[in-house]
Amino acid sequence: MVQGIIGSELAKLIKSAKVPGKDYLIVDVRDEDWKGGNIKGSRNHPSQRFLLDVDDLVKQTKDVPVMIFHCALSQERGPKAARIYEETRNAFHDTNHTVYVLQGGFVQFGQSYKDDPELVENWREIIW
């Protein structure tokens, strides 16, 4: 079951000793709106291609216990991608993982942490 995670919890996770890509992975499913900033260490998997790429993503992340998905607001693309990922990973009989959606998406996270280079990179104020 996909759960929600708030920005402060994600910030704590990023700043912890946990290793991105091993202990957790942040998946940004924004498309063209990806330009203008991103959460440091996140991977962009555009929603327009997500269905085509989800099997590969599941295979690449089969050992990652925590997956966090988001889009700009995490109201449509992020939650949908998280659900598809969760269902696909479960179909491989791998239920030893947790899938989250970042509440408020990148818009809220970026506004809150844009001045912290450990959390946000490539920030372009003109876009946001």
C-alpha atoms as a PDB file:
ATOM      1  CA  MET A   1       0.000   0.000   0.000  1.00  0.00           C
ATOM      2  CA  VAL A   2       1.352   3.405  -1.008  1.00  0.00           C
ATOM      3  CA  GLN A   3       1.834   5.809   1.898  1.00  0.00           C
ATOM      4  CA  GLY A   4       2.462   9.539   2.198  1.00  0.00           C
ATOM      5  CA  ILE A   5       5.660  11.181   3.403  1.00  0.00           C
ATOM      6  CA  ILE A   6       5.961  14.844   4.365  1.00  0.00           C
ATOM      7  CA  GLY A   7       8.815  17.064   3.260  1.00  0.00           C
ATOM      8  CA  SER A   8      10.490  17.291   6.665  1.00  0.00           C
ATOM      9  CA  GLU A   9      10.605  13.479   6.933  1.00  0.00           C
ATOM     10  CA  LEU A  10      12.126  13.237   3.454  1.00  0.00           C
ATOM     11  CA  ALA A  11      14.671  15.948   4.299  1.00  0.00           C
ATOM     12  CA  LYS A  12      15.669  13.979   7.404  1.00  0.00           C
ATOM     13  CA  LEU A  13      16.044  10.812   5.326  1.00  0.00           C
ATOM     14  CA  ILE A  14      18.228  12.549   2.719  1.00  0.00           C
ATOM     15  CA  LYS A  15      20.479  14.030   5.417  1.00  0.00           C
ATOM     16  CA  SER A  16      20.775  10.717   7.266  1.00  0.00           C
ATOM     17  CA  ALA A  17      23.519   8.154   6.809  1.00  0.00           C
ATOM     18  CA  LYS A  18      21.244   6.165   4.495  1.00  0.00           C
ATOM     19  CA  VAL A  19      22.540   5.783   0.938  1.00  0.00           C
ATOM     20  CA  PRO A  20      20.425   6.941  -2.034  1.00  0.00           C
ATOM     21  CA  GLY A  21      19.970   4.179  -4.576  1.00  0.00           C
ATOM     22  CA  LYS A  22      20.671   1.533  -1.932  1.00  0.00           C
ATOM     23  CA  ASP A  23      18.573   2.353   1.135  1.00  0.00           C
ATOM     24  CA  TYR A  24      16.042   4.543  -0.653  1.00  0.00           C
ATOM     25  CA  LEU A  25      15.364   6.115  -4.029  1.00  0.00           C
ATOM     26  CA  ILE A  26      13.464   9.272  -4.934  1.00  0.00           C
ATOM     27  CA  VAL A  27      11.681   9.020  -8.287  1.00  0.00           C
ATOM     28  CA  ASP A  28      10.641  12.294  -9.920  1.00  0.00           C
ATOM     29  CA  VAL A  29       8.001  11.649 -12.575  1.00  0.00           C
ATOM     30  CA  ARG A  30       7.697  15.206 -13.840  1.00  0.00           C
ATOM     31  CA  ASP A  31       7.975  15.641 -17.580  1.00  0.00           C
ATOM     32  CA  GLU A  32       9.059  18.981 -19.088  1.00  0.00           C
ATOM     33  CA  ASP A  33       8.327  20.638 -15.754  1.00  0.00           C
ATOM     34  CA  TRP A  34      11.390  18.802 -14.386  1.00  0.00           C
ATOM     35  CA  LYS A  35      13.512  21.706 -15.554  1.00  0.00           C
ATOM     36  CA  GLY A  36      13.999  24.318 -12.894  1.00  0.00           C
ATOM     37  CA  GLY A  37      15.103  22.209  -9.991  1.00  0.00           C
ATOM     38  CA  ASN A  38      15.015  18.780  -8.424  1.00  0.00           C
ATOM     39  CA  ILE A  39      15.505  16.960  -5.169  1.00  0.00           C
ATOM     40  CA  LYS A  40      19.166  16.089  -4.833  1.00  0.00           C
ATOM     41  CA  GLY A  41      19.837  12.479  -5.733  1.00  0.00           C
ATOM     42  CA  SER A  42      16.450  11.923  -7.337  1.00  0.00           C
ATOM     43  CA  ARG A  43      16.026  10.140 -10.655  1.00  0.00           C
ATOM     44  CA  ASN A  44      13.764  11.514 -13.333  1.00  0.00           C
ATOM     45  CA  HIS A  45      11.419   8.936 -14.879  1.00  0.00           C
ATOM     46  CA  PRO A  46       8.945  11.050 -16.882  1.00  0.00           C
ATOM     47  CA  SER A  47       5.300  10.108 -16.461  1.00  0.00           C
ATOM     48  CA  GLN A  48       4.797  10.085 -20.244  1.00  0.00           C
ATOM     49  CA  ARG A  49       7.052   7.009 -20.475  1.00  0.00           C
ATOM     50  CA  PHE A  50       6.485   5.507 -17.042  1.00  0.00           C
ATOM     51  CA  LEU A  51       4.345   2.564 -18.152  1.00  0.00           C
ATOM     52  CA  LEU A  52       6.967   1.624 -20.740  1.00  0.00           C
ATOM     53  CA  ASP A  53       9.820   1.841 -18.217  1.00  0.00           C
ATOM     54  CA  VAL A  54       8.288   0.518 -14.991  1.00  0.00           C
ATOM     55  CA  ASP A  55       9.472  -3.083 -15.433  1.00  0.00           C
ATOM     56  CA  ASP A  56      13.063  -1.905 -15.855  1.00  0.00           C
ATOM     57  CA  LEU A  57      12.751   0.410 -12.856  1.00  0.00           C
ATOM     58  CA  VAL A  58      11.462  -2.456 -10.702  1.00  0.00           C
ATOM     59  CA  LYS A  59      14.361  -4.671 -11.804  1.00  0.00           C
ATOM     60  CA  GLN A  60      16.896  -1.900 -11.123  1.00  0.00           C
ATOM     61  CA  THR A  61      15.466  -1.214  -7.672  1.00  0.00           C
ATOM     62  CA  LYS A  62      14.608  -4.741  -6.535  1.00  0.00           C
ATOM     63  CA  ASP A  63      16.922  -4.402  -3.524  1.00  0.00           C
ATOM     64  CA  VAL A  64      15.895  -0.851  -2.574  1.00  0.00           C
ATOM     65  CA  PRO A  65      13.567  -1.048   0.454  1.00  0.00           C
ATOM     66  CA  VAL A  66      12.136   2.499   0.310  1.00  0.00           C
ATOM     67  CA  MET A  67      10.854   4.194  -2.839  1.00  0.00           C
ATOM     68  CA  ILE A  68       9.577   7.787  -2.827  1.00  0.00           C
ATOM     69  CA  PHE A  69       7.637   9.155  -5.802  1.00  0.00           C
ATOM     70  CA  HIS A  70       6.662  12.716  -6.603  1.00  0.00           C
ATOM     71  CA  CYS A  71       5.694  15.110  -9.359  1.00  0.00           C
ATOM     72  CA  ALA A  72       5.101  18.858  -9.156  1.00  0.00           C
ATOM     73  CA  LEU A  73       2.189  18.685  -6.691  1.00  0.00           C
ATOM     74  CA  SER A  74       1.954  14.913  -6.088  1.00  0.00           C
ATOM     75  CA  GLN A  75      -1.732  14.940  -6.867  1.00  0.00           C
ATOM     76  CA  GLU A  76      -1.862  12.906 -10.092  1.00  0.00           C
ATOM     77  CA  ARG A  77       1.343  11.781 -11.796  1.00  0.00           C
ATOM     78  CA  GLY A  78       3.306  10.969  -8.629  1.00  0.00           C
ATOM     79  CA  PRO A  79       0.582   8.929  -6.916  1.00  0.00           C
ATOM     80  CA  LYS A  80      -0.294   7.126 -10.152  1.00  0.00           C
ATOM     81  CA  ALA A  81       3.343   6.183 -10.794  1.00  0.00           C
ATOM     82  CA  ALA A  82       3.740   5.038  -7.182  1.00  0.00           C
ATOM     83  CA  ARG A  83       0.666   2.810  -7.484  1.00  0.00           C
ATOM     84  CA  ILE A  84       1.848   1.330 -10.794  1.00  0.00           C
ATOM     85  CA  TYR A  85       5.326   0.726  -9.371  1.00  0.00           C
ATOM     86  CA  GLU A  86       3.898  -0.902  -6.230  1.00  0.00           C
ATOM     87  CA  GLU A  87       1.606  -3.203  -8.222  1.00  0.00           C
ATOM     88  CA  THR A  88       4.402  -4.160 -10.622  1.00  0.00           C
ATOM     89  CA  ARG A  89       6.903  -4.873  -7.855  1.00  0.00           C
ATOM     90  CA  ASN A  90       4.316  -6.917  -5.952  1.00  0.00           C
ATOM     91  CA  ALA A  91       3.649  -8.929  -9.136  1.00  0.00           C
ATOM     92  CA  PHE A  92       7.298 -10.044  -8.944  1.00  0.00           C
ATOM     93  CA  HIS A  93       6.414 -11.416  -5.475  1.00  0.00           C
ATOM     94  CA  ASP A  94       8.553  -8.788  -3.791  1.00  0.00           C
ATOM     95  CA  THR A  95       6.596  -7.340  -0.908  1.00  0.00           C
ATOM     96  CA  ASN A  96       9.612  -6.376   1.211  1.00  0.00           C
ATOM     97  CA  HIS A  97       9.520  -2.669   0.397  1.00  0.00           C
ATOM     98  CA  THR A  98       7.661   0.547   1.175  1.00  0.00           C
ATOM     99  CA  VAL A  99       6.416   3.020  -1.427  1.00  0.00           C
ATOM    100  CA  TYR A 100       5.740   6.646  -0.527  1.00  0.00           C
ATOM    101  CA  VAL A 101       4.359   9.714  -2.288  1.00  0.00           C
ATOM    102  CA  LEU A 102       5.865  13.056  -1.281  1.00  0.00           C
ATOM    103  CA  GLN A 103       2.985  15.171  -0.005  1.00  0.00           C
ATOM    104  CA  GLY A 104       2.916  18.581  -1.678  1.00  0.00           C
ATOM    105  CA  GLY A 105       5.302  17.396  -4.395  1.00  0.00           C
ATOM    106  CA  PHE A 106       8.353  19.260  -5.588  1.00  0.00           C
ATOM    107  CA  VAL A 107       6.582  22.616  -5.471  1.00  0.00           C
ATOM    108  CA  GLN A 108       6.212  22.489  -1.694  1.00  0.00           C
ATOM    109  CA  PHE A 109       9.526  20.714  -1.061  1.00  0.00           C
ATOM    110  CA  GLY A 110      11.429  23.075  -3.351  1.00  0.00           C
ATOM    111  CA  GLN A 111       9.936  26.186  -1.782  1.00  0.00           C
ATOM    112  CA  SER A 112      10.797  24.893   1.683  1.00  0.00           C
ATOM    113  CA  TYR A 113      14.346  23.708   0.970  1.00  0.00           C
ATOM    114  CA  LYS A 114      15.554  25.615  -2.141  1.00  0.00           C
ATOM    115  CA  ASP A 115      18.366  27.238  -0.163  1.00  0.00           C
ATOM    116  CA  ASP A 116      19.742  23.939   1.131  1.00  0.00           C
ATOM    117  CA  PRO A 117      22.144  22.426  -1.441  1.00  0.00           C
ATOM    118  CA  GLU A 118      21.995  19.069   0.375  1.00  0.00           C
ATOM    119  CA  LEU A 119      18.308  18.824  -0.505  1.00  0.00           C
ATOM    120  CA  VAL A 120      17.597  20.774  -3.714  1.00  0.00           C
ATOM    121  CA  GLU A 121      19.762  21.261  -6.789  1.00  0.00           C
ATOM    122  CA  ASN A 122      19.427  23.125 -10.094  1.00  0.00           C
ATOM    123  CA  TRP A 123      16.860  25.534  -8.572  1.00  0.00           C
ATOM    124  CA  ARG A 124      15.724  28.247 -10.978  1.00  0.00           C
ATOM    125  CA  GLU A 125      13.669  30.875  -9.200  1.00  0.00           C
ATOM    126  CA  ILE A 126      12.237  32.228 -12.455  1.00  0.00           C
ATOM    127  CA  ILE A 127      10.405  28.945 -13.064  1.00  0.00           C
ATOM    128  CA  TRP A 128       8.939  28.647  -9.590  1.00  0.00           C
END
